[in-house]
Amino acid sequence: MVREIANGEGYNCDKVNENIGYATHFFNAFNREVVKKRNNEFMYMLADQVNDMIEDINLNAEELRKLYKKYLDSAK
């Protein structure tokens, strides 16, 4: 999903404060067919960090899982 955003026409790395619009991409990716229940706050957190994720050449599924675990631990 992050790579799709980076390669899309709507991505502009100069507009850092407008990246919350990327949340739609994450909501579409984590639809009811993929997850039973999704955490909206986490989706917005992902969207807020799109620019950092795009610049992270080591980003992978494992790193995103770690991020989610860290998020869940901090929400307690």
C-alpha atoms as a PDB file:
ATOM      1  CA  MET A   1       0.000   0.000   0.000  1.00  0.00           C
ATOM      2  CA  VAL A   2       2.799   2.424   0.861  1.00  0.00           C
ATOM      3  CA  ARG A   3       4.551   1.713  -2.436  1.00  0.00           C
ATOM      4  CA  GLU A   4       1.253   2.181  -4.274  1.00  0.00           C
ATOM      5  CA  ILE A   5       0.815   5.607  -2.669  1.00  0.00           C
ATOM      6  CA  ALA A   6       4.423   6.555  -3.501  1.00  0.00           C
ATOM      7  CA  ASN A   7       3.939   5.629  -7.151  1.00  0.00           C
ATOM      8  CA  GLY A   8       0.497   7.225  -7.448  1.00  0.00           C
ATOM      9  CA  GLU A   9      -0.333  10.536  -9.004  1.00  0.00           C
ATOM     10  CA  GLY A  10      -1.648  11.959  -5.731  1.00  0.00           C
ATOM     11  CA  TYR A  11       1.624  11.641  -3.809  1.00  0.00           C
ATOM     12  CA  ASN A  12       3.573  14.832  -3.264  1.00  0.00           C
ATOM     13  CA  CYS A  13       6.452  14.636  -0.791  1.00  0.00           C
ATOM     14  CA  ASP A  14       6.463  18.434  -0.497  1.00  0.00           C
ATOM     15  CA  LYS A  15       2.977  18.483   1.038  1.00  0.00           C
ATOM     16  CA  VAL A  16       3.811  16.788   4.334  1.00  0.00           C
ATOM     17  CA  ASN A  17       0.804  18.204   6.179  1.00  0.00           C
ATOM     18  CA  GLU A  18      -1.708  16.917   3.629  1.00  0.00           C
ATOM     19  CA  ASN A  19      -0.868  13.240   3.988  1.00  0.00           C
ATOM     20  CA  ILE A  20      -3.927  12.441   6.119  1.00  0.00           C
ATOM     21  CA  GLY A  21      -5.766  12.014   2.812  1.00  0.00           C
ATOM     22  CA  TYR A  22      -3.834   8.778   2.394  1.00  0.00           C
ATOM     23  CA  ALA A  23      -6.019   7.216   5.095  1.00  0.00           C
ATOM     24  CA  THR A  24      -8.504   6.218   2.386  1.00  0.00           C
ATOM     25  CA  HIS A  25      -5.875   3.921   0.885  1.00  0.00           C
ATOM     26  CA  PHE A  26      -5.412   2.136   4.208  1.00  0.00           C
ATOM     27  CA  PHE A  27      -9.156   1.851   4.837  1.00  0.00           C
ATOM     28  CA  ASN A  28      -9.516   0.246   1.404  1.00  0.00           C
ATOM     29  CA  ALA A  29      -6.597  -2.120   2.030  1.00  0.00           C
ATOM     30  CA  PHE A  30      -7.924  -3.239   5.411  1.00  0.00           C
ATOM     31  CA  ASN A  31     -11.496  -3.860   4.355  1.00  0.00           C
ATOM     32  CA  ARG A  32     -13.895  -6.403   5.917  1.00  0.00           C
ATOM     33  CA  GLU A  33     -12.512  -9.165   3.694  1.00  0.00           C
ATOM     34  CA  VAL A  34      -9.048  -8.680   5.202  1.00  0.00           C
ATOM     35  CA  VAL A  35      -9.790  -7.955   8.862  1.00  0.00           C
ATOM     36  CA  LYS A  36     -12.834  -8.519  11.038  1.00  0.00           C
ATOM     37  CA  LYS A  37     -12.336  -5.323  12.997  1.00  0.00           C
ATOM     38  CA  ARG A  38     -10.025  -2.470  12.120  1.00  0.00           C
ATOM     39  CA  ASN A  39      -8.698   0.259  14.344  1.00  0.00           C
ATOM     40  CA  ASN A  40      -9.521   3.628  12.789  1.00  0.00           C
ATOM     41  CA  GLU A  41      -7.033   5.492  14.953  1.00  0.00           C
ATOM     42  CA  PHE A  42      -4.256   3.195  13.716  1.00  0.00           C
ATOM     43  CA  MET A  43      -5.301   3.797  10.092  1.00  0.00           C
ATOM     44  CA  TYR A  44      -4.928   7.542  10.589  1.00  0.00           C
ATOM     45  CA  MET A  45      -1.599   7.031  12.340  1.00  0.00           C
ATOM     46  CA  LEU A  46      -0.375   5.059   9.301  1.00  0.00           C
ATOM     47  CA  ALA A  47      -1.582   7.800   6.966  1.00  0.00           C
ATOM     48  CA  ASP A  48       0.195  10.402   9.088  1.00  0.00           C
ATOM     49  CA  GLN A  49       3.469   8.521   8.659  1.00  0.00           C
ATOM     50  CA  VAL A  50       3.251   7.796   4.918  1.00  0.00           C
ATOM     51  CA  ASN A  51       6.135  10.113   4.025  1.00  0.00           C
ATOM     52  CA  ASP A  52       8.436   8.467   6.579  1.00  0.00           C
ATOM     53  CA  MET A  53       7.423   4.999   5.387  1.00  0.00           C
ATOM     54  CA  ILE A  54       8.081   5.900   1.751  1.00  0.00           C
ATOM     55  CA  GLU A  55      11.568   7.116   2.619  1.00  0.00           C
ATOM     56  CA  ASP A  56      12.259   3.919   4.618  1.00  0.00           C
ATOM     57  CA  ILE A  57      13.817   1.562   2.082  1.00  0.00           C
ATOM     58  CA  ASN A  58      13.722  -1.274   4.640  1.00  0.00           C
ATOM     59  CA  LEU A  59       9.964  -1.064   5.172  1.00  0.00           C
ATOM     60  CA  ASN A  60       8.300  -4.470   5.051  1.00  0.00           C
ATOM     61  CA  ALA A  61       5.373  -6.362   6.543  1.00  0.00           C
ATOM     62  CA  GLU A  62       7.406  -7.378   9.599  1.00  0.00           C
ATOM     63  CA  GLU A  63       8.277  -3.761  10.386  1.00  0.00           C
ATOM     64  CA  LEU A  64       4.616  -2.752  10.080  1.00  0.00           C
ATOM     65  CA  ARG A  65       3.627  -5.559  12.457  1.00  0.00           C
ATOM     66  CA  LYS A  66       6.182  -4.247  14.971  1.00  0.00           C
ATOM     67  CA  LEU A  67       4.741  -0.758  14.579  1.00  0.00           C
ATOM     68  CA  TYR A  68       1.237  -2.059  15.232  1.00  0.00           C
ATOM     69  CA  LYS A  69       2.385  -4.004  18.317  1.00  0.00           C
ATOM     70  CA  LYS A  70       4.120  -0.881  19.609  1.00  0.00           C
ATOM     71  CA  TYR A  71       0.935   1.088  18.971  1.00  0.00           C
ATOM     72  CA  LEU A  72      -1.187  -1.449  20.846  1.00  0.00           C
ATOM     73  CA  ASP A  73       1.232  -1.473  23.792  1.00  0.00           C
ATOM     74  CA  SER A  74       1.186   2.333  24.023  1.00  0.00           C
ATOM     75  CA  ALA A  75      -2.620   2.442  23.881  1.00  0.00           C
ATOM     76  CA  LYS A  76      -2.934   0.435  27.112  1.00  0.00           C
END
